[in-house]
Amino acid sequence: MNARDDSKGGTVRAGYVRPLDIRNGRIDMSHGAGGRAAAQLVDEIFLAAFDNPWLRQGDDGAALVMPAGHTLVMATDAHVISPLFFPGGDIGCLSVHGTVNDVAMMGAVPLWLSASFILEEGFSLADLQRIVQSMAAAAREAGVAVVTGDTKVVEKGKGDGVFISTTGVGAVPPGVRVSGAQARPGDVILLSGPVGDHGVAVLSQRESLEFETTIVSDTAALNGLVAAMLEVCPGVRALRDPTRGGLATTLNEIARQSGVGMLIDEAAIPVRPEVDAACELLGLDPLYVANEGKLVAIVPAAAADAVLAAMRAHPRGREAVRIGVVQEDPHRFVQMATRFGGRRVVDWLAGEQLPRIC
């Protein structure tokens, strides 16, 4: 039998397909055509990284069994960050962390993920493998499995390398109900650590800005931290990860949902000196800069000390602080006591400070 080239540049002879040339290969339109090329891409890059019993079945979906008595939670997110690689992370781990955290902020234990990839023709196979392996490592660390997915290829110039959409499924244990609509006057507002790291890290990489100290993204899965908090206080009112729009927008969202006001203390909100300096240089307010590894918690006052101690005992919450209180306010304003003894309203983000950082 004469040899022929297959649609991926490999050589087929008597059923043999040459492995992908990861180092020098590029995505082409055949990788999205559903044939041998697409199957090889899935096997050698995606299945090799995400391998688990659900994926090995080769079906169009995954049959999942929820723990008895638990409530199903599902969250979805799309990731279009530029650049794809940045100090402290990349679009791969970010796509896992973002969805795992969305599920965890509902008080759920994240269990499974789906992943959908839109790849641009000409994208490097080496970069794709690096991204997928980063996703797989993040999923293993978070204790979740990528159980189903999809890949599409668009013509060169009609994408931006790679876009990733992920959907997460988790289980809320009996007796836990966490919602942004549950904040009550007198509750305490806790923050798991310094704000602004992720947004400034991405911006510095994108714009080739150099600072004396490298600013690293805080991207991380927070489900372990949430579990530690719920263990000492199943009655945590609300949890939220302050991503796009930052801490200020997140607090406004919760205030609107719950019909309350908030008073936060500027001096209590941690910002790393290098992030603060970068924001001052760039004309940014760190309260509105995205984070990918921090959470805000609204807890009953009586449980605040115990929850704060549990946070500080966990690696993801060592720098946790109390930053304010929930108060009655028919206008649902978020106010901040400034370092100078005054007060100002911390309003919703208007416009866009940093494009494409989540």
Protein backbone atom coordinates (compact mmCIF):
# COMPACT_ATOMS: atom_id res chain seq x y z
CA MET A 1 0.00 0.00 0.00
CA ASN A 2 1.36 3.40 -0.95
CA ALA A 3 1.86 5.94 1.81
CA ARG A 4 -0.20 9.13 1.81
CA ASP A 5 -0.21 12.29 3.89
CA ASP A 6 -3.03 12.54 6.38
CA SER A 7 -4.78 15.82 7.13
CA LYS A 8 -2.32 16.70 9.92
CA GLY A 9 0.91 16.29 8.09
CA GLY A 10 1.49 12.83 9.59
CA THR A 11 2.10 9.80 7.39
CA VAL A 12 -0.48 7.01 7.22
CA ARG A 13 0.66 3.52 6.18
CA ALA A 14 -1.33 0.40 6.97
CA GLY A 15 -3.29 2.25 9.65
CA TYR A 16 -0.28 3.97 11.22
CA VAL A 17 -0.46 7.70 11.97
CA ARG A 18 2.73 9.58 12.75
CA PRO A 19 2.47 11.36 16.15
CA LEU A 20 1.86 15.09 16.20
CA ASP A 21 4.88 17.32 15.78
CA ILE A 22 4.18 19.25 18.98
CA ARG A 23 7.35 21.33 18.83
CA ASN A 24 6.86 22.74 15.33
CA GLY A 25 3.23 21.94 14.48
CA ARG A 26 0.39 24.40 14.07
CA ILE A 27 -3.38 24.17 14.24
CA ASP A 28 -4.96 23.91 10.80
CA MET A 29 -8.57 23.72 9.67
CA SER A 30 -8.49 19.92 9.53
CA HIS A 31 -8.19 19.84 13.31
CA GLY A 32 -11.76 21.08 13.50
CA ALA A 33 -13.19 18.95 10.69
CA GLY A 34 -14.15 15.98 12.83
CA GLY A 35 -11.95 13.44 11.04
CA ARG A 36 -8.69 11.67 11.77
CA ALA A 37 -6.86 14.94 12.43
CA ALA A 38 -9.39 16.06 15.02
CA ALA A 39 -9.32 12.67 16.73
CA GLN A 40 -5.54 12.71 16.89
CA LEU A 41 -5.53 16.21 18.38
CA VAL A 42 -7.97 15.10 21.08
CA ASP A 43 -6.04 11.91 21.85
CA GLU A 44 -2.53 13.32 21.92
CA ILE A 45 -3.14 16.70 23.58
CA PHE A 46 -6.45 16.74 25.43
CA LEU A 47 -6.99 13.14 26.52
CA ALA A 48 -3.30 12.77 27.34
CA ALA A 49 -3.61 15.64 29.82
CA PHE A 50 -7.14 15.18 31.17
CA ASP A 51 -7.33 11.36 31.18
CA ASN A 52 -10.08 10.03 33.45
CA PRO A 53 -12.77 7.31 33.30
CA TRP A 54 -15.45 9.64 31.89
CA LEU A 55 -13.31 10.84 29.00
CA ARG A 56 -12.07 7.34 28.22
CA GLN A 57 -15.63 6.22 27.51
CA GLY A 58 -15.54 8.37 24.37
CA ASP A 59 -19.18 9.42 24.54
CA ASP A 60 -20.68 12.79 23.61
CA GLY A 61 -21.23 13.58 27.27
CA ALA A 62 -20.58 12.31 30.78
CA ALA A 63 -23.05 10.53 33.05
CA LEU A 64 -22.55 11.94 36.55
CA VAL A 65 -23.99 10.76 39.86
CA MET A 66 -24.56 13.43 42.52
CA PRO A 67 -23.98 12.64 46.20
CA ALA A 68 -27.27 11.82 47.94
CA GLY A 69 -29.02 14.76 49.60
CA HIS A 70 -26.82 17.40 47.96
CA THR A 71 -27.98 20.31 45.81
CA LEU A 72 -26.64 20.63 42.29
CA VAL A 73 -24.73 23.82 41.41
CA MET A 74 -23.56 24.67 37.90
CA ALA A 75 -21.52 27.67 36.74
CA THR A 76 -20.02 28.61 33.39
CA ASP A 77 -17.31 31.03 32.34
CA ALA A 78 -15.52 32.13 29.17
CA HIS A 79 -11.85 33.14 29.05
CA VAL A 80 -10.41 35.43 26.39
CA ILE A 81 -7.40 36.84 28.19
CA SER A 82 -4.55 38.61 26.43
CA PRO A 83 -1.72 37.73 26.76
CA LEU A 84 -2.32 33.99 27.06
CA PHE A 85 0.69 33.59 29.39
CA PHE A 86 1.41 36.00 32.24
CA PRO A 87 3.41 36.05 35.49
CA GLY A 88 1.87 33.49 37.80
CA GLY A 89 -0.37 31.73 35.30
CA ASP A 90 -1.93 31.37 31.88
CA ILE A 91 -5.32 31.04 30.24
CA GLY A 92 -5.31 27.31 31.03
CA CYS A 93 -5.08 27.37 34.81
CA LEU A 94 -7.17 30.55 34.85
CA SER A 95 -10.05 28.80 33.08
CA VAL A 96 -10.07 26.08 35.74
CA HIS A 97 -9.64 28.41 38.70
CA GLY A 98 -12.34 30.79 37.51
CA THR A 99 -15.03 28.14 37.19
CA VAL A 100 -14.01 26.14 40.26
CA ASN A 101 -14.23 29.37 42.26
CA ASP A 102 -17.64 30.28 40.85
CA VAL A 103 -18.97 26.91 42.00
CA ALA A 104 -17.25 27.20 45.39
CA MET A 105 -18.73 30.68 45.96
CA MET A 106 -22.14 28.97 46.06
CA GLY A 107 -20.96 26.87 48.99
CA ALA A 108 -20.60 23.82 46.74
CA VAL A 109 -17.85 21.25 46.48
CA PRO A 110 -16.67 21.44 42.83
CA LEU A 111 -16.66 17.97 41.24
CA TRP A 112 -16.56 18.09 37.44
CA LEU A 113 -15.70 20.47 34.61
CA SER A 114 -16.40 20.64 30.90
CA ALA A 115 -14.09 22.56 28.59
CA SER A 116 -14.71 24.04 25.16
CA PHE A 117 -11.83 25.32 23.04
CA ILE A 118 -12.00 27.67 20.06
CA LEU A 119 -8.63 27.49 18.33
CA GLU A 120 -7.33 29.83 15.64
CA GLU A 121 -5.75 28.36 12.53
CA GLY A 122 -1.97 28.65 12.84
CA PHE A 123 -1.89 28.47 16.64
CA SER A 124 1.18 26.67 17.97
CA LEU A 125 0.65 23.06 19.07
CA ALA A 126 3.39 23.54 21.67
CA ASP A 127 1.52 26.48 23.22
CA LEU A 128 -1.74 24.52 23.11
CA GLN A 129 -0.13 21.59 24.89
CA ARG A 130 1.33 23.94 27.51
CA ILE A 131 -2.10 25.47 28.13
CA VAL A 132 -3.86 22.12 28.34
CA GLN A 133 -1.25 20.69 30.69
CA SER A 134 -1.61 23.77 32.89
CA MET A 135 -5.38 23.20 32.98
CA ALA A 136 -4.88 19.55 33.90
CA ALA A 137 -2.49 20.43 36.74
CA ALA A 138 -4.92 23.06 38.07
CA ALA A 139 -7.81 20.58 37.93
CA ARG A 140 -5.84 17.93 39.80
CA GLU A 141 -4.85 20.42 42.48
CA ALA A 142 -8.49 21.52 42.87
CA GLY A 143 -9.72 17.91 42.98
CA VAL A 144 -11.96 18.15 39.92
CA ALA A 145 -12.04 16.18 36.68
CA VAL A 146 -12.53 17.54 33.15
CA VAL A 147 -15.12 15.01 32.01
CA THR A 148 -16.27 16.30 28.64
CA GLY A 149 -15.37 18.97 26.10
CA ASP A 150 -15.34 20.22 22.55
CA THR A 151 -12.90 21.77 20.09
CA LYS A 152 -13.59 24.09 17.19
CA VAL A 153 -11.15 25.72 14.75
CA VAL A 154 -11.68 29.12 13.11
CA GLU A 155 -9.81 30.62 10.18
CA LYS A 156 -6.67 32.64 10.84
CA GLY A 157 -7.56 36.21 11.75
CA LYS A 158 -10.99 35.27 13.14
CA GLY A 159 -9.82 34.34 16.64
CA ASP A 160 -7.08 35.28 19.04
CA GLY A 161 -5.08 32.10 19.43
CA VAL A 162 -7.37 30.28 21.81
CA PHE A 163 -10.60 30.97 23.66
CA ILE A 164 -11.70 28.61 26.45
CA SER A 165 -15.15 28.18 27.96
CA THR A 166 -15.55 26.01 31.04
CA THR A 167 -18.61 24.81 32.92
CA GLY A 168 -18.39 23.45 36.43
CA VAL A 169 -20.73 21.19 38.40
CA GLY A 170 -20.65 20.90 42.16
CA ALA A 171 -22.63 19.67 45.14
CA VAL A 172 -23.85 21.79 48.04
CA PRO A 173 -23.91 19.81 51.32
CA PRO A 174 -27.18 19.71 53.27
CA GLY A 175 -27.62 22.69 55.58
CA VAL A 176 -25.46 25.07 53.54
CA ARG A 177 -27.04 27.98 51.68
CA VAL A 178 -24.72 30.69 50.41
CA SER A 179 -26.10 33.56 48.32
CA GLY A 180 -25.39 37.20 47.55
CA ALA A 181 -28.96 37.92 48.64
CA GLN A 182 -28.36 36.94 52.27
CA ALA A 183 -26.26 39.79 53.69
CA ARG A 184 -27.88 41.33 56.76
CA PRO A 185 -27.19 44.54 58.73
CA GLY A 186 -24.58 43.85 61.38
CA ASP A 187 -22.79 41.19 59.35
CA VAL A 188 -19.02 41.41 58.97
CA ILE A 189 -17.17 41.65 55.65
CA LEU A 190 -14.01 39.56 55.34
CA LEU A 191 -11.42 39.59 52.56
CA SER A 192 -8.98 36.72 51.99
CA GLY A 193 -5.95 38.84 51.02
CA PRO A 194 -4.44 41.70 49.01
CA VAL A 195 -6.32 42.97 45.96
CA GLY A 196 -5.23 43.91 42.46
CA ASP A 197 -2.46 41.37 41.88
CA HIS A 198 -3.98 39.61 38.86
CA GLY A 199 -5.04 42.66 36.88
CA VAL A 200 -1.73 44.47 37.32
CA ALA A 201 0.27 41.32 36.51
CA VAL A 202 -1.61 40.88 33.22
CA LEU A 203 -1.34 44.56 32.32
CA SER A 204 2.39 44.67 33.02
CA GLN A 205 2.95 41.66 30.74
CA ARG A 206 0.71 43.00 27.99
CA GLU A 207 2.29 46.42 27.93
CA SER A 208 5.85 45.18 28.60
CA LEU A 209 6.02 47.30 31.73
CA GLU A 210 8.94 46.70 34.05
CA PHE A 211 8.82 47.26 37.79
CA GLU A 212 11.51 46.69 40.40
CA THR A 213 9.56 43.67 41.68
CA THR A 214 7.74 41.23 39.42
CA ILE A 215 4.01 41.40 40.06
CA VAL A 216 2.50 37.92 39.94
CA SER A 217 -1.13 36.96 39.36
CA ASP A 218 -2.97 35.51 42.35
CA THR A 219 -4.90 32.99 40.21
CA ALA A 220 -5.78 30.00 42.39
CA ALA A 221 -8.59 27.60 43.24
CA LEU A 222 -10.38 28.63 46.43
CA ASN A 223 -12.58 25.59 47.08
CA GLY A 224 -10.29 24.35 49.85
CA LEU A 225 -10.45 27.70 51.60
CA VAL A 226 -14.24 27.78 51.31
CA ALA A 227 -14.49 24.28 52.77
CA ALA A 228 -12.41 25.36 55.78
CA MET A 229 -14.66 28.38 56.32
CA LEU A 230 -17.88 26.38 56.08
CA GLU A 231 -16.53 23.80 58.49
CA VAL A 232 -16.45 26.38 61.29
CA CYS A 233 -19.50 28.32 60.09
CA PRO A 234 -22.02 26.54 57.84
CA GLY A 235 -24.07 29.74 58.11
CA VAL A 236 -21.72 31.89 56.00
CA ARG A 237 -24.11 34.33 54.32
CA ALA A 238 -22.39 35.18 51.05
CA LEU A 239 -19.20 34.43 49.17
CA ARG A 240 -17.90 36.05 46.02
CA ASP A 241 -14.60 36.15 44.15
CA PRO A 242 -13.90 39.74 43.07
CA THR A 243 -12.86 39.20 39.45
CA ARG A 244 -13.91 41.67 36.75
CA GLY A 245 -14.66 45.01 38.34
CA GLY A 246 -12.67 44.11 41.45
CA LEU A 247 -13.61 44.40 45.09
CA ALA A 248 -15.67 47.56 44.64
CA THR A 249 -17.98 46.05 42.02
CA THR A 250 -18.36 42.81 43.99
CA LEU A 251 -19.49 44.64 47.12
CA ASN A 252 -21.97 46.68 45.10
CA GLU A 253 -23.38 43.50 43.59
CA ILE A 254 -23.98 41.95 47.01
CA ALA A 255 -25.43 45.19 48.40
CA ARG A 256 -27.91 45.36 45.53
CA GLN A 257 -28.86 41.69 45.84
CA SER A 258 -29.41 41.89 49.58
CA GLY A 259 -30.94 45.37 49.73
CA VAL A 260 -28.36 46.65 52.23
CA GLY A 261 -25.54 49.14 52.51
CA MET A 262 -21.92 48.56 53.42
CA LEU A 263 -19.20 50.50 55.20
CA ILE A 264 -15.62 49.46 54.53
CA ASP A 265 -12.37 50.77 55.99
CA GLU A 266 -9.79 51.93 53.45
CA ALA A 267 -6.91 51.37 55.87
CA ALA A 268 -7.96 47.74 56.39
CA ILE A 269 -7.94 46.76 52.70
CA PRO A 270 -4.56 45.21 51.83
CA VAL A 271 -2.80 46.19 48.61
CA ARG A 272 0.77 45.10 47.95
CA PRO A 273 3.15 48.10 47.74
CA GLU A 274 4.25 47.20 44.21
CA VAL A 275 0.63 46.88 43.05
CA ASP A 276 -0.28 50.17 44.71
CA ALA A 277 2.68 51.89 43.03
CA ALA A 278 1.80 50.43 39.64
CA CYS A 279 -1.82 51.53 40.00
CA GLU A 280 -0.76 55.05 40.93
CA LEU A 281 1.56 55.17 37.93
CA LEU A 282 -1.15 53.90 35.57
CA GLY A 283 -4.00 55.92 37.02
CA LEU A 284 -5.90 52.86 38.29
CA ASP A 285 -7.84 52.30 41.48
CA PRO A 286 -6.88 48.90 42.97
CA LEU A 287 -10.42 48.51 44.33
CA TYR A 288 -11.61 48.02 40.74
CA VAL A 289 -8.76 45.81 39.50
CA ALA A 290 -9.51 42.11 38.93
CA ASN A 291 -8.42 39.32 41.23
CA GLU A 292 -8.44 35.58 40.49
CA GLY A 293 -7.44 34.08 43.82
CA LYS A 294 -9.25 36.13 46.45
CA LEU A 295 -12.71 35.97 47.98
CA VAL A 296 -15.07 38.24 49.89
CA ALA A 297 -17.17 36.70 52.65
CA ILE A 298 -20.20 38.09 54.46
CA VAL A 299 -20.59 36.34 57.82
CA PRO A 300 -22.68 36.82 60.97
CA ALA A 301 -20.85 38.98 63.48
CA ALA A 302 -20.87 36.23 66.10
CA ALA A 303 -18.95 33.91 63.77
CA ALA A 304 -16.54 36.45 62.28
CA ASP A 305 -13.56 35.71 64.53
CA ALA A 306 -13.84 31.95 64.02
CA VAL A 307 -14.15 32.27 60.25
CA LEU A 308 -11.25 34.71 60.08
CA ALA A 309 -9.07 32.33 62.10
CA ALA A 310 -9.98 29.44 59.78
CA MET A 311 -9.11 31.57 56.76
CA ARG A 312 -5.72 32.55 58.17
CA ALA A 313 -4.95 28.90 58.93
CA HIS A 314 -5.40 27.99 55.24
CA PRO A 315 -2.63 28.68 52.65
CA ARG A 316 -5.05 30.69 50.47
CA GLY A 317 -6.19 32.90 53.33
CA ARG A 318 -3.09 33.65 55.39
CA GLU A 319 -3.48 37.40 54.77
CA ALA A 320 -7.23 37.49 55.42
CA VAL A 321 -8.62 40.59 57.10
CA ARG A 322 -11.83 42.15 58.36
CA ILE A 323 -12.61 45.12 56.11
CA GLY A 324 -16.06 46.37 57.08
CA VAL A 325 -19.66 45.81 58.09
CA VAL A 326 -23.06 45.52 56.47
CA GLN A 327 -25.51 48.25 57.45
CA GLU A 328 -29.05 49.33 56.75
CA ASP A 329 -29.30 51.64 53.75
CA PRO A 330 -32.32 51.93 51.44
CA HIS A 331 -29.99 53.38 48.78
CA ARG A 332 -27.76 50.27 48.92
CA PHE A 333 -24.60 52.38 48.90
CA VAL A 334 -21.13 51.00 49.54
CA GLN A 335 -19.27 53.64 51.53
CA MET A 336 -15.64 53.77 52.55
CA ALA A 337 -14.09 55.41 55.60
CA THR A 338 -10.97 56.99 54.16
CA ARG A 339 -7.54 57.23 55.70
CA PHE A 340 -8.14 60.97 56.16
CA GLY A 341 -11.17 60.53 58.39
CA GLY A 342 -13.85 61.18 55.79
CA ARG A 343 -16.25 59.01 53.85
CA ARG A 344 -16.85 58.48 50.17
CA VAL A 345 -19.16 56.35 48.09
CA VAL A 346 -17.49 53.42 46.35
CA ASP A 347 -19.64 53.26 43.24
CA TRP A 348 -19.99 50.70 40.49
CA LEU A 349 -17.20 50.51 37.94
CA ALA A 350 -17.97 52.89 35.07
CA GLY A 351 -16.47 51.84 31.74
CA GLU A 352 -13.44 49.60 31.55
CA GLN A 353 -10.15 49.95 33.39
CA LEU A 354 -8.37 46.87 32.02
CA PRO A 355 -9.61 44.97 28.96
CA ARG A 356 -9.53 41.19 28.77
CA ILE A 357 -7.97 40.14 32.05
CA CYS A 358 -10.26 37.27 33.05
